[in-house]
PDB file of N, CA and C in Angstrom:
ATOM      1  N   MET A   1      -0.643  36.899 -45.277  1.00  0.00           N
ATOM      2  CA  MET A   1      -0.600  38.043 -44.375  1.00  0.00           C
ATOM      3  C   MET A   1       0.806  38.611 -44.365  1.00  0.00           C
ATOM      4  N   ASN A   2       0.913  39.894 -44.187  1.00  0.00           N
ATOM      5  CA  ASN A   2       2.207  40.562 -44.191  1.00  0.00           C
ATOM      6  C   ASN A   2       3.014  40.204 -42.950  1.00  0.00           C
ATOM      7  N   ASN A   3       4.321  40.182 -43.129  1.00  0.00           N
ATOM      8  CA  ASN A   3       5.220  40.007 -41.996  1.00  0.00           C
ATOM      9  C   ASN A   3       5.322  41.323 -41.249  1.00  0.00           C
ATOM     10  N   THR A   4       5.800  41.245 -40.029  1.00  0.00           N
ATOM     11  CA  THR A   4       6.026  42.468 -39.278  1.00  0.00           C
ATOM     12  C   THR A   4       7.460  42.516 -38.817  1.00  0.00           C
ATOM     13  N   GLN A   5       7.962  43.734 -38.622  1.00  0.00           N
ATOM     14  CA  GLN A   5       9.272  43.944 -38.026  1.00  0.00           C
ATOM     15  C   GLN A   5       9.020  44.359 -36.589  1.00  0.00           C
ATOM     16  N   ASN A   6       9.595  43.638 -35.657  1.00  0.00           N
ATOM     17  CA  ASN A   6       9.363  43.935 -34.246  1.00  0.00           C
ATOM     18  C   ASN A   6      10.593  44.572 -33.617  1.00  0.00           C
ATOM     19  N   ASN A   7      10.342  45.514 -32.735  1.00  0.00           N
ATOM     20  CA  ASN A   7      11.388  46.006 -31.851  1.00  0.00           C
ATOM     21  C   ASN A   7      10.743  46.216 -30.493  1.00  0.00           C
ATOM     22  N   SER A   8      11.477  46.738 -29.538  1.00  0.00           N
ATOM     23  CA  SER A   8      10.945  46.830 -28.181  1.00  0.00           C
ATOM     24  C   SER A   8       9.816  47.843 -28.043  1.00  0.00           C
ATOM     25  N   ASP A   9       9.665  48.756 -28.983  1.00  0.00           N
ATOM     26  CA  ASP A   9       8.670  49.816 -28.828  1.00  0.00           C
ATOM     27  C   ASP A   9       7.510  49.732 -29.812  1.00  0.00           C
ATOM     28  N   ALA A  10       7.702  49.053 -30.941  1.00  0.00           N
ATOM     29  CA  ALA A  10       6.638  48.994 -31.944  1.00  0.00           C
ATOM     30  C   ALA A  10       6.957  47.924 -32.967  1.00  0.00           C
ATOM     31  N   HIS A  11       5.942  47.518 -33.727  1.00  0.00           N
ATOM     32  CA  HIS A  11       6.245  46.713 -34.896  1.00  0.00           C
ATOM     33  C   HIS A  11       5.570  47.314 -36.123  1.00  0.00           C
ATOM     34  N   ARG A  12       6.297  47.214 -37.228  1.00  0.00           N
ATOM     35  CA  ARG A  12       5.863  47.760 -38.505  1.00  0.00           C
ATOM     36  C   ARG A  12       5.598  46.604 -39.451  1.00  0.00           C
ATOM     37  N   PHE A  13       4.636  46.780 -40.304  1.00  0.00           N
ATOM     38  CA  PHE A  13       4.322  45.774 -41.307  1.00  0.00           C
ATOM     39  C   PHE A  13       5.275  45.904 -42.485  1.00  0.00           C
ATOM     40  N   ASP A  14       5.796  44.783 -42.956  1.00  0.00           N
ATOM     41  CA  ASP A  14       6.605  44.773 -44.177  1.00  0.00           C
ATOM     42  C   ASP A  14       5.664  44.873 -45.370  1.00  0.00           C
ATOM     43  N   GLY A  15       6.013  45.656 -46.360  1.00  0.00           N
ATOM     44  CA  GLY A  15       5.187  45.764 -47.549  1.00  0.00           C
ATOM     45  C   GLY A  15       3.909  46.534 -47.270  1.00  0.00           C
ATOM     46  N   THR A  16       2.897  46.236 -48.031  1.00  0.00           N
ATOM     47  CA  THR A  16       1.623  46.939 -47.931  1.00  0.00           C
ATOM     48  C   THR A  16       0.648  46.146 -47.083  1.00  0.00           C
ATOM     49  N   VAL A  17      -0.091  46.850 -46.234  1.00  0.00           N
ATOM     50  CA  VAL A  17      -1.117  46.228 -45.406  1.00  0.00           C
ATOM     51  C   VAL A  17      -2.402  47.042 -45.563  1.00  0.00           C
ATOM     52  N   SER A  18      -3.501  46.353 -45.762  1.00  0.00           N
ATOM     53  CA  SER A  18      -4.782  47.057 -45.890  1.00  0.00           C
ATOM     54  C   SER A  18      -5.239  47.544 -44.516  1.00  0.00           C
ATOM     55  N   LEU A  19      -6.101  48.543 -44.526  1.00  0.00           N
ATOM     56  CA  LEU A  19      -6.662  49.040 -43.278  1.00  0.00           C
ATOM     57  C   LEU A  19      -7.426  47.939 -42.557  1.00  0.00           C
ATOM     58  N   ALA A  20      -8.146  47.093 -43.294  1.00  0.00           N
ATOM     59  CA  ALA A  20      -8.906  46.005 -42.678  1.00  0.00           C
ATOM     60  C   ALA A  20      -7.994  45.014 -41.960  1.00  0.00           C
ATOM     61  N   VAL A  21      -6.889  44.632 -42.596  1.00  0.00           N
ATOM     62  CA  VAL A  21      -5.938  43.708 -41.963  1.00  0.00           C
ATOM     63  C   VAL A  21      -5.308  44.362 -40.737  1.00  0.00           C
ATOM     64  N   PHE A  22      -4.952  45.630 -40.857  1.00  0.00           N
ATOM     65  CA  PHE A  22      -4.371  46.360 -39.739  1.00  0.00           C
ATOM     66  C   PHE A  22      -5.355  46.414 -38.570  1.00  0.00           C
ATOM     67  N   ARG A  23      -6.609  46.758 -38.868  1.00  0.00           N
ATOM     68  CA  ARG A  23      -7.640  46.830 -37.825  1.00  0.00           C
ATOM     69  C   ARG A  23      -7.815  45.465 -37.150  1.00  0.00           C
ATOM     70  N   ASN A  24      -7.829  44.388 -37.936  1.00  0.00           N
ATOM     71  CA  ASN A  24      -7.965  43.046 -37.360  1.00  0.00           C
ATOM     72  C   ASN A  24      -6.813  42.714 -36.421  1.00  0.00           C
ATOM     73  N   LYS A  25      -5.598  43.135 -36.780  1.00  0.00           N
ATOM     74  CA  LYS A  25      -4.439  42.890 -35.924  1.00  0.00           C
ATOM     75  C   LYS A  25      -4.580  43.628 -34.599  1.00  0.00           C
ATOM     76  N   ILE A  26      -4.987  44.893 -34.644  1.00  0.00           N
ATOM     77  CA  ILE A  26      -5.218  45.673 -33.417  1.00  0.00           C
ATOM     78  C   ILE A  26      -6.284  44.990 -32.568  1.00  0.00           C
ATOM     79  N   GLU A  27      -7.386  44.593 -33.200  1.00  0.00           N
ATOM     80  CA  GLU A  27      -8.477  43.959 -32.462  1.00  0.00           C
ATOM     81  C   GLU A  27      -8.050  42.635 -31.847  1.00  0.00           C
ATOM     82  N   SER A  28      -7.184  41.878 -32.515  1.00  0.00           N
ATOM     83  CA  SER A  28      -6.732  40.608 -31.937  1.00  0.00           C
ATOM     84  C   SER A  28      -5.775  40.840 -30.763  1.00  0.00           C
ATOM     85  N   LEU A  29      -4.971  41.898 -30.842  1.00  0.00           N
ATOM     86  CA  LEU A  29      -4.041  42.196 -29.751  1.00  0.00           C
ATOM     87  C   LEU A  29      -4.734  42.773 -28.524  1.00  0.00           C
ATOM     88  N   TYR A  30      -5.788  43.542 -28.747  1.00  0.00           N
ATOM     89  CA  TYR A  30      -6.449  44.267 -27.663  1.00  0.00           C
ATOM     90  C   TYR A  30      -7.940  43.923 -27.590  1.00  0.00           C
ATOM     91  N   SER A  31      -8.251  42.654 -27.709  1.00  0.00           N
ATOM     92  CA  SER A  31      -9.651  42.222 -27.772  1.00  0.00           C
ATOM     93  C   SER A  31     -10.435  42.522 -26.496  1.00  0.00           C
ATOM     94  N   ASP A  32      -9.754  42.656 -25.382  1.00  0.00           N
ATOM     95  CA  ASP A  32     -10.449  42.906 -24.116  1.00  0.00           C
ATOM     96  C   ASP A  32     -10.491  44.391 -23.748  1.00  0.00           C
ATOM     97  N   CYS A  33     -10.145  45.261 -24.687  1.00  0.00           N
ATOM     98  CA  CYS A  33     -10.082  46.702 -24.426  1.00  0.00           C
ATOM     99  C   CYS A  33     -11.055  47.463 -25.320  1.00  0.00           C
ATOM    100  N   SER A  34     -11.302  48.698 -24.937  1.00  0.00           N
ATOM    101  CA  SER A  34     -12.102  49.603 -25.758  1.00  0.00           C
ATOM    102  C   SER A  34     -11.202  50.189 -26.842  1.00  0.00           C
ATOM    103  N   ILE A  35     -11.551  49.942 -28.104  1.00  0.00           N
ATOM    104  CA  ILE A  35     -10.749  50.408 -29.244  1.00  0.00           C
ATOM    105  C   ILE A  35     -11.526  51.478 -29.992  1.00  0.00           C
ATOM    106  N   THR A  36     -10.870  52.610 -30.230  1.00  0.00           N
ATOM    107  CA  THR A  36     -11.486  53.684 -31.007  1.00  0.00           C
ATOM    108  C   THR A  36     -10.503  54.133 -32.091  1.00  0.00           C
ATOM    109  N   THR A  37     -11.031  54.839 -33.089  1.00  0.00           N
ATOM    110  CA  THR A  37     -10.182  55.363 -34.150  1.00  0.00           C
ATOM    111  C   THR A  37     -10.499  56.833 -34.396  1.00  0.00           C
ATOM    112  N   GLU A  38      -9.515  57.535 -34.926  1.00  0.00           N
ATOM    113  CA  GLU A  38      -9.685  58.910 -35.377  1.00  0.00           C
ATOM    114  C   GLU A  38      -9.008  59.035 -36.726  1.00  0.00           C
ATOM    115  N   LYS A  39      -9.673  59.682 -37.649  1.00  0.00           N
ATOM    116  CA  LYS A  39      -9.095  59.923 -38.975  1.00  0.00           C
ATOM    117  C   LYS A  39      -8.531  61.341 -39.010  1.00  0.00           C
ATOM    118  N   HIS A  40      -7.352  61.460 -39.598  1.00  0.00           N
ATOM    119  CA  HIS A  40      -6.690  62.754 -39.725  1.00  0.00           C
ATOM    120  C   HIS A  40      -6.113  62.884 -41.125  1.00  0.00           C
ATOM    121  N   SER A  41      -5.873  64.096 -41.524  1.00  0.00           N
ATOM    122  CA  SER A  41      -5.168  64.366 -42.768  1.00  0.00           C
ATOM    123  C   SER A  41      -3.925  65.166 -42.408  1.00  0.00           C
ATOM    124  N   GLU A  42      -2.789  64.694 -42.891  1.00  0.00           N
ATOM    125  CA  GLU A  42      -1.527  65.341 -42.561  1.00  0.00           C
ATOM    126  C   GLU A  42      -0.674  65.428 -43.812  1.00  0.00           C
ATOM    127  N   HIS A  43      -0.306  66.622 -44.199  1.00  0.00           N
ATOM    128  CA  HIS A  43       0.510  66.847 -45.397  1.00  0.00           C
ATOM    129  C   HIS A  43      -0.124  66.203 -46.629  1.00  0.00           C
ATOM    130  N   GLY A  44      -1.454  66.294 -46.725  1.00  0.00           N
ATOM    131  CA  GLY A  44      -2.169  65.778 -47.881  1.00  0.00           C
ATOM    132  C   GLY A  44      -2.397  64.280 -47.886  1.00  0.00           C
ATOM    133  N   SER A  45      -2.045  63.608 -46.815  1.00  0.00           N
ATOM    134  CA  SER A  45      -2.226  62.162 -46.738  1.00  0.00           C
ATOM    135  C   SER A  45      -3.149  61.827 -45.571  1.00  0.00           C
ATOM    136  N   ASP A  46      -4.084  60.910 -45.815  1.00  0.00           N
ATOM    137  CA  ASP A  46      -5.000  60.494 -44.758  1.00  0.00           C
ATOM    138  C   ASP A  46      -4.347  59.428 -43.887  1.00  0.00           C
ATOM    139  N   LEU A  47      -4.593  59.527 -42.593  1.00  0.00           N
ATOM    140  CA  LEU A  47      -4.129  58.489 -41.681  1.00  0.00           C
ATOM    141  C   LEU A  47      -5.205  58.169 -40.671  1.00  0.00           C
ATOM    142  N   THR A  48      -5.131  56.969 -40.121  1.00  0.00           N
ATOM    143  CA  THR A  48      -6.076  56.515 -39.116  1.00  0.00           C
ATOM    144  C   THR A  48      -5.294  56.192 -37.854  1.00  0.00           C
ATOM    145  N   LEU A  49      -5.650  56.863 -36.761  1.00  0.00           N
ATOM    146  CA  LEU A  49      -5.027  56.633 -35.468  1.00  0.00           C
ATOM    147  C   LEU A  49      -5.917  55.693 -34.666  1.00  0.00           C
ATOM    148  N   PHE A  50      -5.321  54.709 -34.046  1.00  0.00           N
ATOM    149  CA  PHE A  50      -6.042  53.743 -33.229  1.00  0.00           C
ATOM    150  C   PHE A  50      -5.706  53.983 -31.759  1.00  0.00           C
ATOM    151  N   TYR A  51      -6.736  53.885 -30.912  1.00  0.00           N
ATOM    152  CA  TYR A  51      -6.580  54.099 -29.478  1.00  0.00           C
ATOM    153  C   TYR A  51      -7.157  52.914 -28.721  1.00  0.00           C
ATOM    154  N   VAL A  52      -6.470  52.540 -27.639  1.00  0.00           N
ATOM    155  CA  VAL A  52      -6.944  51.518 -26.711  1.00  0.00           C
ATOM    156  C   VAL A  52      -7.107  52.210 -25.368  1.00  0.00           C
ATOM    157  N   ASN A  53      -8.323  52.204 -24.840  1.00  0.00           N
ATOM    158  CA  ASN A  53      -8.591  52.869 -23.562  1.00  0.00           C
ATOM    159  C   ASN A  53      -8.018  54.289 -23.548  1.00  0.00           C
ATOM    160  N   ASP A  54      -8.189  54.999 -24.654  1.00  0.00           N
ATOM    161  CA  ASP A  54      -7.760  56.387 -24.863  1.00  0.00           C
ATOM    162  C   ASP A  54      -6.248  56.562 -25.004  1.00  0.00           C
ATOM    163  N   GLY A  55      -5.498  55.480 -25.102  1.00  0.00           N
ATOM    164  CA  GLY A  55      -4.052  55.574 -25.339  1.00  0.00           C
ATOM    165  C   GLY A  55      -3.734  55.205 -26.779  1.00  0.00           C
ATOM    166  N   HIS A  56      -2.937  55.994 -27.454  1.00  0.00           N
ATOM    167  CA  HIS A  56      -2.583  55.749 -28.855  1.00  0.00           C
ATOM    168  C   HIS A  56      -1.846  54.413 -28.957  1.00  0.00           C
ATOM    169  N   CYS A  57      -2.382  53.494 -29.769  1.00  0.00           N
ATOM    170  CA  CYS A  57      -1.771  52.160 -29.883  1.00  0.00           C
ATOM    171  C   CYS A  57      -1.256  51.860 -31.281  1.00  0.00           C
ATOM    172  N   GLY A  58      -1.632  52.644 -32.269  1.00  0.00           N
ATOM    173  CA  GLY A  58      -1.142  52.369 -33.620  1.00  0.00           C
ATOM    174  C   GLY A  58      -1.612  53.402 -34.620  1.00  0.00           C
ATOM    175  N   THR A  59      -0.912  53.419 -35.763  1.00  0.00           N
ATOM    176  CA  THR A  59      -1.233  54.339 -36.847  1.00  0.00           C
ATOM    177  C   THR A  59      -1.149  53.594 -38.169  1.00  0.00           C
ATOM    178  N   TRP A  60      -2.170  53.788 -39.004  1.00  0.00           N
ATOM    179  CA  TRP A  60      -2.178  53.244 -40.360  1.00  0.00           C
ATOM    180  C   TRP A  60      -2.229  54.414 -41.319  1.00  0.00           C
ATOM    181  N   GLN A  61      -1.390  54.343 -42.378  1.00  0.00           N
ATOM    182  CA  GLN A  61      -1.371  55.411 -43.372  1.00  0.00           C
ATOM    183  C   GLN A  61      -0.938  54.840 -44.715  1.00  0.00           C
ATOM    184  N   ALA A  62      -1.803  54.987 -45.695  1.00  0.00           N
ATOM    185  CA  ALA A  62      -1.479  54.675 -47.090  1.00  0.00           C
ATOM    186  C   ALA A  62      -0.797  53.325 -47.274  1.00  0.00           C
ATOM    187  N   GLY A  63      -1.339  52.293 -46.643  1.00  0.00           N
ATOM    188  CA  GLY A  63      -0.820  50.947 -46.852  1.00  0.00           C
ATOM    189  C   GLY A  63       0.295  50.517 -45.929  1.00  0.00           C
ATOM    190  N   SER A  64       0.664  51.362 -44.986  1.00  0.00           N
ATOM    191  CA  SER A  64       1.669  50.950 -44.004  1.00  0.00           C
ATOM    192  C   SER A  64       1.133  51.231 -42.612  1.00  0.00           C
ATOM    193  N   GLY A  65       1.675  50.509 -41.642  1.00  0.00           N
ATOM    194  CA  GLY A  65       1.161  50.677 -40.295  1.00  0.00           C
ATOM    195  C   GLY A  65       2.194  50.374 -39.238  1.00  0.00           C
ATOM    196  N   VAL A  66       1.979  50.970 -38.071  1.00  0.00           N
ATOM    197  CA  VAL A  66       2.812  50.754 -36.898  1.00  0.00           C
ATOM    198  C   VAL A  66       1.888  50.470 -35.727  1.00  0.00           C
ATOM    199  N   ILE A  67       2.179  49.398 -34.997  1.00  0.00           N
ATOM    200  CA  ILE A  67       1.449  49.076 -33.774  1.00  0.00           C
ATOM    201  C   ILE A  67       2.455  49.142 -32.635  1.00  0.00           C
ATOM    202  N   PHE A  68       2.153  49.938 -31.611  1.00  0.00           N
ATOM    203  CA  PHE A  68       3.073  50.158 -30.506  1.00  0.00           C
ATOM    204  C   PHE A  68       3.062  48.986 -29.529  1.00  0.00           C
ATOM    205  N   SER A  69       4.158  48.849 -28.798  1.00  0.00           N
ATOM    206  CA  SER A  69       4.280  47.806 -27.785  1.00  0.00           C
ATOM    207  C   SER A  69       3.307  48.057 -26.638  1.00  0.00           C
ATOM    208  N   VAL A  70       3.029  47.016 -25.884  1.00  0.00           N
ATOM    209  CA  VAL A  70       2.124  47.134 -24.743  1.00  0.00           C
ATOM    210  C   VAL A  70       2.653  48.161 -23.746  1.00  0.00           C
ATOM    211  N   SER A  71       3.952  48.162 -23.491  1.00  0.00           N
ATOM    212  CA  SER A  71       4.492  49.126 -22.523  1.00  0.00           C
ATOM    213  C   SER A  71       4.316  50.565 -23.010  1.00  0.00           C
ATOM    214  N   ARG A  72       4.488  50.786 -24.307  1.00  0.00           N
ATOM    215  CA  ARG A  72       4.288  52.139 -24.835  1.00  0.00           C
ATOM    216  C   ARG A  72       2.815  52.530 -24.778  1.00  0.00           C
ATOM    217  N   VAL A  73       1.919  51.603 -25.093  1.00  0.00           N
ATOM    218  CA  VAL A  73       0.483  51.895 -25.029  1.00  0.00           C
ATOM    219  C   VAL A  73       0.081  52.214 -23.586  1.00  0.00           C
ATOM    220  N   GLU A  74       0.617  51.472 -22.629  1.00  0.00           N
ATOM    221  CA  GLU A  74       0.320  51.756 -21.216  1.00  0.00           C
ATOM    222  C   GLU A  74       0.780  53.158 -20.835  1.00  0.00           C
ATOM    223  N   ARG A  75       1.953  53.577 -21.319  1.00  0.00           N
ATOM    224  CA  ARG A  75       2.420  54.955 -21.064  1.00  0.00           C
ATOM    225  C   ARG A  75       1.486  55.965 -21.717  1.00  0.00           C
ATOM    226  N   ASN A  76       1.030  55.664 -22.937  1.00  0.00           N
ATOM    227  CA  ASN A  76       0.110  56.572 -23.637  1.00  0.00           C
ATOM    228  C   ASN A  76      -1.214  56.692 -22.905  1.00  0.00           C
ATOM    229  N   ILE A  77      -1.717  55.581 -22.362  1.00  0.00           N
ATOM    230  CA  ILE A  77      -2.968  55.608 -21.587  1.00  0.00           C
ATOM    231  C   ILE A  77      -2.780  56.476 -20.347  1.00  0.00           C
ATOM    232  N   LYS A  78      -1.660  56.287 -19.642  1.00  0.00           N
ATOM    233  CA  LYS A  78      -1.391  57.089 -18.441  1.00  0.00           C
ATOM    234  C   LYS A  78      -1.291  58.563 -18.799  1.00  0.00           C
ATOM    235  N   THR A  79      -0.607  58.886 -19.872  1.00  0.00           N
ATOM    236  CA  THR A  79      -0.474  60.283 -20.295  1.00  0.00           C
ATOM    237  C   THR A  79      -1.838  60.883 -20.602  1.00  0.00           C
ATOM    238  N   SER A  80      -2.687  60.123 -21.295  1.00  0.00           N
ATOM    239  CA  SER A  80      -4.028  60.603 -21.620  1.00  0.00           C
ATOM    240  C   SER A  80      -4.827  60.881 -20.348  1.00  0.00           C
ATOM    241  N   ARG A  81      -4.745  59.973 -19.388  1.00  0.00           N
ATOM    242  CA  ARG A  81      -5.468  60.168 -18.121  1.00  0.00           C
ATOM    243  C   ARG A  81      -4.912  61.363 -17.351  1.00  0.00           C
ATOM    244  N   ASP A  82      -3.583  61.479 -17.323  1.00  0.00           N
ATOM    245  CA  ASP A  82      -2.968  62.613 -16.618  1.00  0.00           C
ATOM    246  C   ASP A  82      -3.397  63.936 -17.244  1.00  0.00           C
ATOM    247  N   LEU A  83      -3.435  64.006 -18.582  1.00  0.00           N
ATOM    248  CA  LEU A  83      -3.871  65.237 -19.250  1.00  0.00           C
ATOM    249  C   LEU A  83      -5.333  65.543 -18.958  1.00  0.00           C
ATOM    250  N   THR A  84      -6.164  64.511 -18.972  1.00  0.00           N
ATOM    251  CA  THR A  84      -7.584  64.704 -18.659  1.00  0.00           C
ATOM    252  C   THR A  84      -7.748  65.226 -17.237  1.00  0.00           C
ATOM    253  N   ASP A  85      -7.016  64.618 -16.301  1.00  0.00           N
ATOM    254  CA  ASP A  85      -7.080  65.069 -14.905  1.00  0.00           C
ATOM    255  C   ASP A  85      -6.603  66.517 -14.777  1.00  0.00           C
ATOM    256  N   PHE A  86      -5.504  66.843 -15.445  1.00  0.00           N
ATOM    257  CA  PHE A  86      -4.974  68.202 -15.385  1.00  0.00           C
ATOM    258  C   PHE A  86      -5.957  69.203 -15.979  1.00  0.00           C
ATOM    259  N   MET A  87      -6.497  68.885 -17.139  1.00  0.00           N
ATOM    260  CA  MET A  87      -7.422  69.808 -17.802  1.00  0.00           C
ATOM    261  C   MET A  87      -8.671  70.052 -16.965  1.00  0.00           C
ATOM    262  N   SER A  88      -9.055  69.086 -16.142  1.00  0.00           N
ATOM    263  CA  SER A  88     -10.240  69.271 -15.310  1.00  0.00           C
ATOM    264  C   SER A  88      -9.978  70.242 -14.154  1.00  0.00           C
ATOM    265  N   THR A  89      -8.707  70.578 -13.892  1.00  0.00           N
ATOM    266  CA  THR A  89      -8.377  71.467 -12.774  1.00  0.00           C
ATOM    267  C   THR A  89      -8.215  72.920 -13.191  1.00  0.00           C
ATOM    268  N   ILE A  90      -8.203  73.188 -14.499  1.00  0.00           N
ATOM    269  CA  ILE A  90      -7.998  74.563 -14.943  1.00  0.00           C
ATOM    270  C   ILE A  90      -9.231  75.056 -15.691  1.00  0.00           C
ATOM    271  N   ASP A  91      -9.375  76.345 -15.715  1.00  0.00           N
ATOM    272  CA  ASP A  91     -10.485  76.979 -16.408  1.00  0.00           C
ATOM    273  C   ASP A  91     -10.034  77.320 -17.831  1.00  0.00           C
ATOM    274  N   VAL A  92     -10.448  76.514 -18.782  1.00  0.00           N
ATOM    275  CA  VAL A  92     -10.061  76.726 -20.173  1.00  0.00           C
ATOM    276  C   VAL A  92     -11.174  77.475 -20.878  1.00  0.00           C
ATOM    277  N   PRO A  93     -10.841  78.588 -21.549  1.00  0.00           N
ATOM    278  CA  PRO A  93     -11.885  79.321 -22.294  1.00  0.00           C
ATOM    279  C   PRO A  93     -12.511  78.431 -23.351  1.00  0.00           C
ATOM    280  N   LYS A  94     -13.829  78.477 -23.454  1.00  0.00           N
ATOM    281  CA  LYS A  94     -14.534  77.655 -24.435  1.00  0.00           C
ATOM    282  C   LYS A  94     -14.432  78.248 -25.831  1.00  0.00           C
ATOM    283  N   ASP A  95     -14.306  79.561 -25.939  1.00  0.00           N
ATOM    284  CA  ASP A  95     -14.182  80.228 -27.237  1.00  0.00           C
ATOM    285  C   ASP A  95     -12.790  80.811 -27.351  1.00  0.00           C
ATOM    286  N   LEU A  96     -12.016  80.277 -28.257  1.00  0.00           N
ATOM    287  CA  LEU A  96     -10.652  80.799 -28.432  1.00  0.00           C
ATOM    288  C   LEU A  96     -10.581  81.669 -29.654  1.00  0.00           C
TER     289      LEU A  96
END
């Protein structure tokens, strides 16, 4: 298994990590949470964003990945909830 580099806000995998290994790491860290993914394409490269309870917890792209710290994920969850609450108070046009 690949080593990781840890800091206070995130850890990155050294070398190449498969999406399956990355997903397993997220699932082991957040086994008691709701985990979802979204696929995106950015600058011609595909990436997979991982969310825990609607808060961004990690990103995998082309063999490399970053998993955010618990404190950062908690901030992301709060931000997501705050945005949802805010959006429910305004009248947003459905057709832009």
